[in-house]
């Protein structure tokens, strides 16, 4: 049996079945659904200052706590919901991040009301198709890029929080807006083939 060659720049992935499954099936896959993109943006915001594996292990708890990231429901969260979330040990309990998620749901709905689609906005910034990177084990991948900086600025202009350049670039990588699997990784060509 041939051993899979994965991105070797992911600290802590080797041997962790949750992390490997995420890398092998989700990370870098182009996501075009606006609601799913918003969910990932919220989760990346919660990651700020933490490792992604922490969020990944708590993702089911986040989905339960945030009504499966239904923006219609989250936008109506009030003080009781906020208190419930701050008491939920299954998620990251941060007033600022919880407030940002609730406000983000309202921004998402406001955009939709004005005829703006989050997916169209984000994919429009990369020309409608995933940016194909050519990073190697020697070069590694950057923590941020000028395109990520531009997307972060656009999201902040809409009012989204916890969307700085590093967070947004991680979001772009995760949602396939950019294919940052190393060229030696078995997923690089698979994800390349998934782009529209």
Protein backbone atom coordinates (compact mmCIF):
# COMPACT_ATOMS: atom_id res chain seq x y z
CA UNK A 1 0.00 0.00 0.00
CA UNK A 2 1.36 3.41 -0.97
CA UNK A 3 1.70 5.99 1.78
CA UNK A 4 -0.10 9.26 1.11
CA UNK A 5 2.12 12.30 0.84
CA UNK A 6 0.45 15.19 2.63
CA UNK A 7 1.35 18.81 3.25
CA UNK A 8 4.29 18.52 5.63
CA UNK A 9 3.91 22.03 7.00
CA UNK A 10 0.90 21.19 9.19
CA UNK A 11 2.22 20.88 12.73
CA UNK A 12 0.58 18.08 14.68
CA UNK A 13 -1.35 16.55 11.79
CA UNK A 14 0.63 13.33 11.34
CA UNK A 15 -1.19 10.51 13.06
CA UNK A 16 -4.15 12.62 14.22
CA UNK A 17 -7.18 11.05 12.48
CA UNK A 18 -9.38 14.15 12.89
CA UNK A 19 -6.75 16.47 11.47
CA UNK A 20 -5.77 14.11 8.66
CA UNK A 21 -9.40 13.58 7.64
CA UNK A 22 -9.94 17.36 7.54
CA UNK A 23 -6.83 17.83 5.40
CA UNK A 24 -7.72 14.93 3.11
CA UNK A 25 -11.37 15.72 2.50
CA UNK A 26 -12.19 19.38 3.31
CA UNK A 27 -9.24 21.78 3.35
CA UNK A 28 -8.77 23.42 -0.02
CA UNK A 29 -12.02 22.14 -1.51
CA UNK A 30 -13.74 25.06 -3.30
CA UNK A 31 -16.81 26.11 -1.31
CA UNK A 32 -19.39 28.16 -3.20
CA UNK A 33 -22.30 28.10 -0.74
CA UNK A 34 -22.66 31.48 1.00
CA UNK A 35 -23.95 30.04 4.26
CA UNK A 36 -21.12 27.51 4.46
CA UNK A 37 -18.60 30.27 3.70
CA UNK A 38 -20.05 32.40 6.50
CA UNK A 39 -19.82 29.46 8.93
CA UNK A 40 -16.16 28.96 8.07
CA UNK A 41 -15.47 32.69 8.44
CA UNK A 42 -17.02 32.61 11.92
CA UNK A 43 -15.02 29.53 12.91
CA UNK A 44 -11.81 31.08 11.62
CA UNK A 45 -12.61 34.15 13.70
CA UNK A 46 -12.97 31.97 16.78
CA UNK A 47 -9.57 30.47 15.94
CA UNK A 48 -7.80 33.81 16.42
CA UNK A 49 -4.99 33.19 18.89
CA UNK A 50 -5.61 29.42 18.93
CA UNK A 51 -4.72 26.42 16.79
CA UNK A 52 -7.12 25.22 14.11
CA UNK A 53 -7.26 21.73 15.59
CA UNK A 54 -8.80 23.25 18.74
CA UNK A 55 -11.66 24.65 16.66
CA UNK A 56 -11.94 21.52 14.55
CA UNK A 57 -12.41 19.36 17.64
CA UNK A 58 -15.12 21.73 18.89
CA UNK A 59 -16.85 22.20 15.52
CA UNK A 60 -19.85 20.00 16.35
CA UNK A 61 -20.34 21.89 19.62
CA UNK A 62 -20.13 25.20 17.73
CA UNK A 63 -22.73 24.00 15.25
CA UNK A 64 -25.07 22.99 18.08
CA UNK A 65 -24.50 26.25 19.97
CA UNK A 66 -24.99 28.44 16.89
CA UNK A 67 -28.09 26.71 15.46
CA UNK A 68 -26.09 24.99 12.73
CA UNK A 69 -24.89 28.44 11.68
CA UNK A 70 -28.28 29.45 10.33
CA UNK A 71 -27.83 33.23 9.96
CA UNK A 72 -31.60 33.81 10.27
CA UNK A 73 -31.53 32.30 13.77
CA UNK A 74 -28.14 33.61 14.90
CA UNK A 75 -29.06 37.16 13.89
CA UNK A 76 -31.92 37.03 16.41
CA UNK A 77 -29.69 35.93 19.31
CA UNK A 78 -30.17 38.19 22.31
CA UNK A 79 -28.75 38.49 25.81
CA UNK A 80 -30.08 35.08 26.93
CA UNK A 81 -28.40 33.40 23.97
CA UNK A 82 -25.20 35.31 24.60
CA UNK A 83 -25.21 34.17 28.25
CA UNK A 84 -25.91 30.60 27.12
CA UNK A 85 -22.96 30.72 24.74
CA UNK A 86 -20.64 32.16 27.39
CA UNK A 87 -21.60 29.26 29.67
CA UNK A 88 -21.03 26.60 26.98
CA UNK A 89 -17.75 24.82 27.74
CA UNK A 90 -17.93 23.07 24.37
CA UNK A 91 -17.04 26.25 22.45
CA UNK A 92 -14.54 29.07 22.81
CA UNK A 93 -16.07 31.44 25.34
CA UNK A 94 -15.10 34.93 24.26
CA UNK A 95 -17.49 37.85 24.53
CA UNK A 96 -15.88 39.61 21.59
CA UNK A 97 -15.93 36.56 19.32
CA UNK A 98 -19.51 35.65 20.22
CA UNK A 99 -20.60 39.24 19.57
CA UNK A 100 -18.75 39.19 16.25
CA UNK A 101 -20.53 35.98 15.20
CA UNK A 102 -23.96 37.42 16.02
CA UNK A 103 -23.16 40.72 14.31
CA UNK A 104 -21.78 38.78 11.34
CA UNK A 105 -25.10 36.98 10.91
CA UNK A 106 -26.85 40.36 10.79
CA UNK A 107 -24.34 41.66 8.23
CA UNK A 108 -24.81 38.51 6.14
CA UNK A 109 -28.59 39.02 6.12
CA UNK A 110 -28.24 42.74 5.42
CA UNK A 111 -26.03 41.97 2.42
CA UNK A 112 -28.59 39.47 1.15
CA UNK A 113 -31.40 41.98 1.64
CA UNK A 114 -29.46 44.44 -0.52
CA UNK A 115 -28.98 41.82 -3.23
CA UNK A 116 -25.35 41.08 -2.34
CA UNK A 117 -24.21 37.48 -2.12
CA UNK A 118 -21.25 36.66 0.13
CA UNK A 119 -20.08 33.88 -2.19
CA UNK A 120 -20.25 36.12 -5.26
CA UNK A 121 -18.29 38.82 -3.43
CA UNK A 122 -15.53 36.47 -2.26
CA UNK A 123 -15.20 34.47 -5.47
CA UNK A 124 -15.30 37.70 -7.48
CA UNK A 125 -12.13 38.76 -5.69
CA UNK A 126 -10.26 35.73 -7.05
CA UNK A 127 -11.70 35.94 -10.56
CA UNK A 128 -14.31 33.23 -9.95
CA UNK A 129 -11.85 30.37 -9.81
CA UNK A 130 -9.39 29.12 -7.18
CA UNK A 131 -5.95 30.68 -7.19
CA UNK A 132 -3.51 27.84 -7.87
CA UNK A 133 -0.39 28.11 -5.74
CA UNK A 134 2.87 26.26 -6.35
CA UNK A 135 4.28 26.05 -2.83
CA UNK A 136 6.74 23.28 -2.03
CA UNK A 137 7.99 21.74 1.22
CA UNK A 138 10.99 24.06 0.92
CA UNK A 139 8.99 27.26 0.47
CA UNK A 140 6.07 26.38 2.74
CA UNK A 141 2.93 28.51 2.53
CA UNK A 142 2.63 32.15 3.54
CA UNK A 143 0.59 33.31 6.51
CA UNK A 144 -0.83 36.14 4.43
CA UNK A 145 -0.77 37.49 0.88
CA UNK A 146 -1.72 40.79 -0.78
CA UNK A 147 -4.94 39.15 -2.06
CA UNK A 148 -5.77 37.99 1.46
CA UNK A 149 -5.09 41.50 2.73
CA UNK A 150 -7.48 42.88 0.11
CA UNK A 151 -10.20 40.38 1.05
CA UNK A 152 -9.76 41.15 4.75
CA UNK A 153 -10.15 44.85 4.01
CA UNK A 154 -13.33 44.21 1.99
CA UNK A 155 -14.85 42.08 4.77
CA UNK A 156 -13.98 44.68 7.40
CA UNK A 157 -15.58 47.35 5.22
CA UNK A 158 -18.81 45.32 5.39
CA UNK A 159 -18.51 45.32 9.19
CA UNK A 160 -17.28 41.76 9.81
CA UNK A 161 -14.96 41.35 12.82
CA UNK A 162 -12.10 38.94 13.54
CA UNK A 163 -11.19 38.96 9.87
CA UNK A 164 -7.65 40.28 9.78
CA UNK A 165 -5.27 39.36 6.95
CA UNK A 166 -3.90 36.18 8.58
CA UNK A 167 -7.35 34.87 9.53
CA UNK A 168 -8.75 35.67 6.10
CA UNK A 169 -5.87 33.98 4.31
CA UNK A 170 -6.42 30.85 6.41
CA UNK A 171 -10.11 31.10 5.47
CA UNK A 172 -9.20 31.40 1.78
CA UNK A 173 -7.01 28.30 2.01
CA UNK A 174 -9.65 26.30 3.85
CA UNK A 175 -12.48 27.16 1.47
CA UNK A 176 -10.52 26.61 -1.71
CA UNK A 177 -10.46 30.24 -2.79
CA UNK A 178 -6.76 29.45 -3.04
CA UNK A 179 -5.30 25.97 -3.50
CA UNK A 180 -2.41 26.02 -1.05
CA UNK A 181 -1.83 22.29 -0.79
CA UNK A 182 1.88 21.84 -1.41
CA UNK A 183 2.67 20.62 -4.91
CA UNK A 184 4.01 17.39 -3.36
CA UNK A 185 0.72 16.73 -1.53
CA UNK A 186 -1.68 14.22 -3.05
CA UNK A 187 -4.53 16.74 -2.60
CA UNK A 188 -2.90 19.48 -4.70
CA UNK A 189 -3.96 18.08 -8.07
CA UNK A 190 -7.29 16.79 -6.71
CA UNK A 191 -8.24 20.26 -5.46
CA UNK A 192 -6.96 21.87 -8.67
CA UNK A 193 -9.41 19.69 -10.62
CA UNK A 194 -12.34 20.84 -8.44
CA UNK A 195 -12.18 24.51 -9.44
CA UNK A 196 -14.89 25.87 -11.68
